[in-house]
Structure formats: structure tokens, C-alpha cells
Amino acid sequence: MPGSLDKTRKQISKKRNGVINALHEKSRDSLRLHKAGVRDQRIEKLAAARSKKERPLIDRVSYFQNAIRVKGGEGANPAAEIEEVKRMIHSFVHQFDEEYDAEKKKRRAGRPASVKEDMLKMKISTLETEYKQGFLLPDIMSSENANALLLWEGSWSYLPQLKWTRVNSEGQVRSVAFPST
């Protein structure tokens, strides 16, 4: 999709018969070009921020999609029982444990924790807290939703079509709406 800078540049070049390199610094056309460039930068910055915010949920869905693929073979029912779901959630929550332990061993005695170690510890504790209160994931206990998850190609726009549930550490399951991030 062409940005507003390209459109503005094209409009100005049409107006000036193809020559846009001879603009005065404070001319209307140069100010239009500047505004269009700033607008494009702002839109790119917002898109990057939105993508960064959506990334953890996409990673989570991708993890459970791969877990269903590994669990079910060809022609098998992809739906999972509650114990399997709890096992998948536990492995997702503790996927950073080895990396955290390696960072902890790498640190010399008496030294403060590294930033990476602190971030991993915070991520693990946040996931554990969420699991105790209710871990958000696509409903992989119904076969139709599990099949829909297997068809997911990685786009954010497909996620609201899936059914979502919260599963806590005691095994209680609640249906919830798609999370607005």
C-alpha cells in the first residue's frame, strides 16, 4: 500500500510537470511533503507498537497450535482432554526455565542478576500467576475449534473467529470472549 508521501510526491510532480527537486524550503509543496513524511512515520510507529503488543498472544496461539499438531497424528481427533491441556499449559509456562537456570549459573556469586535473568524471572512468574487465576488459550477441547486452530496461518485477523477459554491450575474451564489487547 503506497504511503501518503508517495501520493503527495506524485501529485506535486504532476503539478510541476515532473520536476520536484526545485522546491523552496518554505513553499507550500515542501511543507506538504514534510507533513506527509511525518504522517507516514507516525503510522509506521503505531503499527510497530501494535504488532509488538500483539506478539505475545500470537506466540501463545502458535505454541498451542504446534502442541496440537504434535499430539494428534494424521486423521486423529485434535481435541484435547483437560489433563492434556493442563500439561500443555504447564510446559508453556515453564518453557523458559532452562534458559533462566543457565543465566543464573552463568552469574558469579555475589553479583546482581542480569537484565535478561530478571526479565525471564518476571515472565515466568507472570505466566504462573496467570495460570493460577485462569490461563487464556484457544479452546482446544472442542474438536471443531481445534481443527480451526490447525488451519490458522498466523494472522491476527483470524484469531477472533476462534473460541477462547480460561483454564486455571485446578482444572476449571471458563469460556471467554476474544481478548482485546
C-alpha atoms as a PDB file:
ATOM      1  CA  MET A   1       0.000   0.000   0.000  1.00  0.00           C
ATOM      2  CA  PRO A   2       1.607   3.279  -1.043  1.00  0.00           C
ATOM      3  CA  GLY A   3       2.034   5.809   1.703  1.00  0.00           C
ATOM      4  CA  SER A   4       0.770   9.341   1.722  1.00  0.00           C
ATOM      5  CA  LEU A   5       4.291  10.605   0.998  1.00  0.00           C
ATOM      6  CA  ASP A   6       4.341   8.779  -2.335  1.00  0.00           C
ATOM      7  CA  LYS A   7       0.892  10.074  -3.210  1.00  0.00           C
ATOM      8  CA  THR A   8       1.818  13.626  -2.274  1.00  0.00           C
ATOM      9  CA  ARG A   9       5.074  13.432  -4.229  1.00  0.00           C
ATOM     10  CA  LYS A  10       3.171  12.184  -7.281  1.00  0.00           C
ATOM     11  CA  GLN A  11       0.579  14.977  -7.016  1.00  0.00           C
ATOM     12  CA  ILE A  12       3.281  17.636  -6.738  1.00  0.00           C
ATOM     13  CA  SER A  13       5.267  16.199  -9.646  1.00  0.00           C
ATOM     14  CA  LYS A  14       2.137  16.235 -11.819  1.00  0.00           C
ATOM     15  CA  LYS A  15       1.523  19.844 -10.871  1.00  0.00           C
ATOM     16  CA  ARG A  16       5.127  20.819 -11.668  1.00  0.00           C
ATOM     17  CA  ASN A  17       5.404  18.730 -14.846  1.00  0.00           C
ATOM     18  CA  GLY A  18       7.628  16.074 -13.315  1.00  0.00           C
ATOM     19  CA  VAL A  19      10.175  18.341 -11.570  1.00  0.00           C
ATOM     20  CA  ILE A  20      10.039  18.346  -7.764  1.00  0.00           C
ATOM     21  CA  ASN A  21      13.701  18.922  -6.962  1.00  0.00           C
ATOM     22  CA  ALA A  22      13.438  22.706  -7.259  1.00  0.00           C
ATOM     23  CA  LEU A  23      11.295  23.462  -4.214  1.00  0.00           C
ATOM     24  CA  HIS A  24      11.827  26.381  -1.894  1.00  0.00           C
ATOM     25  CA  GLU A  25      12.359  25.410   1.733  1.00  0.00           C
ATOM     26  CA  LYS A  26       9.187  27.121   2.990  1.00  0.00           C
ATOM     27  CA  SER A  27       6.998  26.584  -0.080  1.00  0.00           C
ATOM     28  CA  ARG A  28       3.556  25.029   0.229  1.00  0.00           C
ATOM     29  CA  ASP A  29       4.649  21.952  -1.687  1.00  0.00           C
ATOM     30  CA  SER A  30       7.679  21.317   0.508  1.00  0.00           C
ATOM     31  CA  LEU A  31       5.506  21.694   3.607  1.00  0.00           C
ATOM     32  CA  ARG A  32       3.018  19.198   2.130  1.00  0.00           C
ATOM     33  CA  LEU A  33       5.862  16.746   1.533  1.00  0.00           C
ATOM     34  CA  HIS A  34       7.142  17.237   5.064  1.00  0.00           C
ATOM     35  CA  LYS A  35       3.679  16.686   6.592  1.00  0.00           C
ATOM     36  CA  ALA A  36       3.165  13.557   4.507  1.00  0.00           C
ATOM     37  CA  GLY A  37       6.535  12.175   5.582  1.00  0.00           C
ATOM     38  CA  VAL A  38       5.797  12.836   9.254  1.00  0.00           C
ATOM     39  CA  ARG A  39       2.358  11.217   8.859  1.00  0.00           C
ATOM     40  CA  ASP A  40       3.895   8.090   7.323  1.00  0.00           C
ATOM     41  CA  GLN A  41       6.452   7.862  10.127  1.00  0.00           C
ATOM     42  CA  ARG A  42       3.729   8.202  12.766  1.00  0.00           C
ATOM     43  CA  ILE A  43       1.613   5.485  11.135  1.00  0.00           C
ATOM     44  CA  GLU A  44       4.604   3.127  10.894  1.00  0.00           C
ATOM     45  CA  LYS A  45       5.421   3.760  14.552  1.00  0.00           C
ATOM     46  CA  LEU A  46       1.836   2.978  15.619  1.00  0.00           C
ATOM     47  CA  ALA A  47       1.801  -0.184  13.503  1.00  0.00           C
ATOM     48  CA  ALA A  48       5.072  -1.349  15.054  1.00  0.00           C
ATOM     49  CA  ALA A  49       3.741  -0.701  18.558  1.00  0.00           C
ATOM     50  CA  ARG A  50       0.529  -2.600  17.812  1.00  0.00           C
ATOM     51  CA  SER A  51       2.494  -5.508  16.351  1.00  0.00           C
ATOM     52  CA  LYS A  52       4.740  -5.619  19.420  1.00  0.00           C
ATOM     53  CA  LYS A  53       1.680  -5.648  21.670  1.00  0.00           C
ATOM     54  CA  GLU A  54       0.001  -8.464  19.694  1.00  0.00           C
ATOM     55  CA  ARG A  55       3.135 -10.626  19.508  1.00  0.00           C
ATOM     56  CA  PRO A  56       2.799 -12.476  22.862  1.00  0.00           C
ATOM     57  CA  LEU A  57      -0.733 -13.651  22.072  1.00  0.00           C
ATOM     58  CA  ILE A  58       0.271 -14.782  18.590  1.00  0.00           C
ATOM     59  CA  ASP A  59       3.241 -16.672  20.069  1.00  0.00           C
ATOM     60  CA  ARG A  60       0.917 -18.324  22.589  1.00  0.00           C
ATOM     61  CA  VAL A  61      -1.568 -19.435  19.932  1.00  0.00           C
ATOM     62  CA  SER A  62       1.281 -20.673  17.747  1.00  0.00           C
ATOM     63  CA  TYR A  63       2.639 -22.722  20.661  1.00  0.00           C
ATOM     64  CA  PHE A  64      -0.717 -24.435  21.243  1.00  0.00           C
ATOM     65  CA  GLN A  65      -1.203 -24.966  17.508  1.00  0.00           C
ATOM     66  CA  ASN A  66       2.139 -26.794  17.388  1.00  0.00           C
ATOM     67  CA  ALA A  67       1.225 -28.750  20.531  1.00  0.00           C
ATOM     68  CA  ILE A  68      -1.987 -29.949  18.871  1.00  0.00           C
ATOM     69  CA  ARG A  69      -0.073 -30.918  15.733  1.00  0.00           C
ATOM     70  CA  VAL A  70       2.389 -32.935  17.795  1.00  0.00           C
ATOM     71  CA  LYS A  71      -0.395 -34.513  19.875  1.00  0.00           C
ATOM     72  CA  GLY A  72      -2.613 -35.592  17.007  1.00  0.00           C
ATOM     73  CA  GLY A  73      -1.433 -37.592  14.077  1.00  0.00           C
ATOM     74  CA  GLU A  74      -2.999 -37.893  10.655  1.00  0.00           C
ATOM     75  CA  GLY A  75      -6.773 -38.274  10.892  1.00  0.00           C
ATOM     76  CA  ALA A  76      -6.749 -38.281  14.696  1.00  0.00           C
ATOM     77  CA  ASN A  77      -9.126 -36.153  16.751  1.00  0.00           C
ATOM     78  CA  PRO A  78      -7.176 -32.973  17.556  1.00  0.00           C
ATOM     79  CA  ALA A  79      -9.310 -32.115  20.597  1.00  0.00           C
ATOM     80  CA  ALA A  80      -7.510 -32.428  23.920  1.00  0.00           C
ATOM     81  CA  GLU A  81      -8.752 -33.574  27.328  1.00  0.00           C
ATOM     82  CA  ILE A  82      -8.393 -31.315  30.371  1.00  0.00           C
ATOM     83  CA  GLU A  83      -5.338 -33.192  31.682  1.00  0.00           C
ATOM     84  CA  GLU A  84      -3.575 -32.815  28.328  1.00  0.00           C
ATOM     85  CA  VAL A  85      -4.450 -29.126  28.267  1.00  0.00           C
ATOM     86  CA  LYS A  86      -3.068 -28.668  31.783  1.00  0.00           C
ATOM     87  CA  ARG A  87       0.134 -30.450  30.724  1.00  0.00           C
ATOM     88  CA  MET A  88       0.430 -28.199  27.636  1.00  0.00           C
ATOM     89  CA  ILE A  89      -0.117 -25.079  29.740  1.00  0.00           C
ATOM     90  CA  HIS A  90       2.458 -26.248  32.282  1.00  0.00           C
ATOM     91  CA  SER A  91       5.035 -26.787  29.546  1.00  0.00           C
ATOM     92  CA  PHE A  92       4.220 -23.347  28.073  1.00  0.00           C
ATOM     93  CA  VAL A  93       4.575 -21.640  31.456  1.00  0.00           C
ATOM     94  CA  HIS A  94       7.892 -23.351  32.171  1.00  0.00           C
ATOM     95  CA  GLN A  95       9.415 -23.147  28.685  1.00  0.00           C
ATOM     96  CA  PHE A  96      11.905 -20.508  29.882  1.00  0.00           C
ATOM     97  CA  ASP A  97      13.114 -22.418  32.974  1.00  0.00           C
ATOM     98  CA  GLU A  98      16.212 -23.886  31.323  1.00  0.00           C
ATOM     99  CA  GLU A  99      17.257 -20.531  29.912  1.00  0.00           C
ATOM    100  CA  TYR A 100      16.682 -18.907  33.310  1.00  0.00           C
ATOM    101  CA  ASP A 101      18.766 -21.567  35.077  1.00  0.00           C
ATOM    102  CA  ALA A 102      21.569 -21.134  32.524  1.00  0.00           C
ATOM    103  CA  GLU A 103      21.591 -17.367  33.111  1.00  0.00           C
ATOM    104  CA  LYS A 104      21.590 -17.944  36.861  1.00  0.00           C
ATOM    105  CA  LYS A 105      24.557 -20.350  36.668  1.00  0.00           C
ATOM    106  CA  LYS A 106      26.457 -18.007  34.382  1.00  0.00           C
ATOM    107  CA  ARG A 107      26.357 -15.258  37.001  1.00  0.00           C
ATOM    108  CA  ARG A 108      29.176 -15.155  39.519  1.00  0.00           C
ATOM    109  CA  ALA A 109      28.362 -15.441  43.217  1.00  0.00           C
ATOM    110  CA  GLY A 110      27.667 -12.110  44.874  1.00  0.00           C
ATOM    111  CA  ARG A 111      26.825 -10.340  41.612  1.00  0.00           C
ATOM    112  CA  PRO A 112      23.401  -8.889  40.894  1.00  0.00           C
ATOM    113  CA  ALA A 113      21.135 -10.599  38.415  1.00  0.00           C
ATOM    114  CA  SER A 114      21.473  -9.643  34.773  1.00  0.00           C
ATOM    115  CA  VAL A 115      18.675  -7.847  32.958  1.00  0.00           C
ATOM    116  CA  LYS A 116      17.950 -10.948  30.906  1.00  0.00           C
ATOM    117  CA  GLU A 117      17.708 -13.061  34.056  1.00  0.00           C
ATOM    118  CA  ASP A 118      15.332 -10.546  35.649  1.00  0.00           C
ATOM    119  CA  MET A 119      13.164 -10.457  32.523  1.00  0.00           C
ATOM    120  CA  LEU A 120      12.960 -14.260  32.367  1.00  0.00           C
ATOM    121  CA  LYS A 121      12.098 -14.469  36.061  1.00  0.00           C
ATOM    122  CA  MET A 122       9.389 -11.837  35.656  1.00  0.00           C
ATOM    123  CA  LYS A 123       7.974 -13.578  32.573  1.00  0.00           C
ATOM    124  CA  ILE A 124       7.854 -16.951  34.340  1.00  0.00           C
ATOM    125  CA  SER A 125       6.198 -15.511  37.458  1.00  0.00           C
ATOM    126  CA  THR A 126       3.626 -13.631  35.349  1.00  0.00           C
ATOM    127  CA  LEU A 127       2.723 -16.806  33.469  1.00  0.00           C
ATOM    128  CA  GLU A 128       2.477 -18.807  36.711  1.00  0.00           C
ATOM    129  CA  THR A 129       0.175 -16.180  38.242  1.00  0.00           C
ATOM    130  CA  GLU A 130      -1.993 -16.197  35.129  1.00  0.00           C
ATOM    131  CA  TYR A 131      -2.176 -19.990  35.248  1.00  0.00           C
ATOM    132  CA  LYS A 132      -3.377 -19.923  38.857  1.00  0.00           C
ATOM    133  CA  GLN A 133      -6.048 -17.318  38.072  1.00  0.00           C
ATOM    134  CA  GLY A 134      -7.028 -18.659  34.658  1.00  0.00           C
ATOM    135  CA  PHE A 135      -4.766 -19.168  31.655  1.00  0.00           C
ATOM    136  CA  LEU A 136      -6.118 -17.753  28.399  1.00  0.00           C
ATOM    137  CA  LEU A 137      -5.876 -20.014  25.362  1.00  0.00           C
ATOM    138  CA  PRO A 138      -7.922 -21.009  22.330  1.00  0.00           C
ATOM    139  CA  ASP A 139     -10.480 -23.699  23.138  1.00  0.00           C
ATOM    140  CA  ILE A 140      -8.599 -26.849  22.155  1.00  0.00           C
ATOM    141  CA  MET A 141     -11.013 -29.147  23.976  1.00  0.00           C
ATOM    142  CA  SER A 142     -13.636 -28.960  21.221  1.00  0.00           C
ATOM    143  CA  SER A 143     -12.741 -30.723  18.002  1.00  0.00           C
ATOM    144  CA  GLU A 144     -14.210 -28.044  15.706  1.00  0.00           C
ATOM    145  CA  ASN A 145     -12.209 -25.253  17.368  1.00  0.00           C
ATOM    146  CA  ALA A 146      -9.065 -27.407  17.443  1.00  0.00           C
ATOM    147  CA  ASN A 147      -9.466 -28.022  13.698  1.00  0.00           C
ATOM    148  CA  ALA A 148      -9.942 -24.292  13.150  1.00  0.00           C
ATOM    149  CA  LEU A 149      -6.759 -23.667  15.137  1.00  0.00           C
ATOM    150  CA  LEU A 150      -4.871 -26.147  12.955  1.00  0.00           C
ATOM    151  CA  LEU A 151      -5.954 -24.116   9.901  1.00  0.00           C
ATOM    152  CA  TRP A 152      -4.689 -20.857  11.434  1.00  0.00           C
ATOM    153  CA  GLU A 153      -1.902 -19.356   9.313  1.00  0.00           C
ATOM    154  CA  GLY A 154      -0.502 -16.881  11.838  1.00  0.00           C
ATOM    155  CA  SER A 155      -2.569 -13.761  11.190  1.00  0.00           C
ATOM    156  CA  TRP A 156      -4.109 -11.632  13.910  1.00  0.00           C
ATOM    157  CA  SER A 157      -7.349 -11.158  11.975  1.00  0.00           C
ATOM    158  CA  TYR A 158      -8.230 -14.872  12.194  1.00  0.00           C
ATOM    159  CA  LEU A 159      -7.946 -15.070  15.997  1.00  0.00           C
ATOM    160  CA  PRO A 160     -11.357 -13.546  16.901  1.00  0.00           C
ATOM    161  CA  GLN A 161     -13.031 -16.357  14.957  1.00  0.00           C
ATOM    162  CA  LEU A 162     -11.674 -18.902  17.436  1.00  0.00           C
ATOM    163  CA  LYS A 163     -13.421 -19.704  20.709  1.00  0.00           C
ATOM    164  CA  TRP A 164     -11.361 -18.840  23.793  1.00  0.00           C
ATOM    165  CA  THR A 165     -11.220 -20.343  27.273  1.00  0.00           C
ATOM    166  CA  ARG A 166      -9.551 -19.737  30.603  1.00  0.00           C
ATOM    167  CA  VAL A 167      -8.174 -22.792  32.375  1.00  0.00           C
ATOM    168  CA  ASN A 168      -6.859 -22.442  35.914  1.00  0.00           C
ATOM    169  CA  SER A 169      -4.420 -24.698  37.723  1.00  0.00           C
ATOM    170  CA  GLU A 170      -7.269 -26.616  39.387  1.00  0.00           C
ATOM    171  CA  GLY A 171      -8.723 -27.598  36.008  1.00  0.00           C
ATOM    172  CA  GLN A 172     -11.734 -25.287  35.948  1.00  0.00           C
ATOM    173  CA  VAL A 173     -12.626 -24.148  32.430  1.00  0.00           C
ATOM    174  CA  ARG A 174     -14.500 -20.949  31.547  1.00  0.00           C
ATOM    175  CA  SER A 175     -15.428 -19.683  28.101  1.00  0.00           C
ATOM    176  CA  VAL A 176     -14.375 -16.102  27.459  1.00  0.00           C
ATOM    177  CA  ALA A 177     -14.539 -13.638  24.595  1.00  0.00           C
ATOM    178  CA  PHE A 178     -11.532 -12.847  22.423  1.00  0.00           C
ATOM    179  CA  PRO A 179      -9.123 -10.744  24.464  1.00  0.00           C
ATOM    180  CA  SER A 180      -8.842  -7.154  23.367  1.00  0.00           C
ATOM    181  CA  THR A 181      -5.235  -6.178  23.795  1.00  0.00           C
END
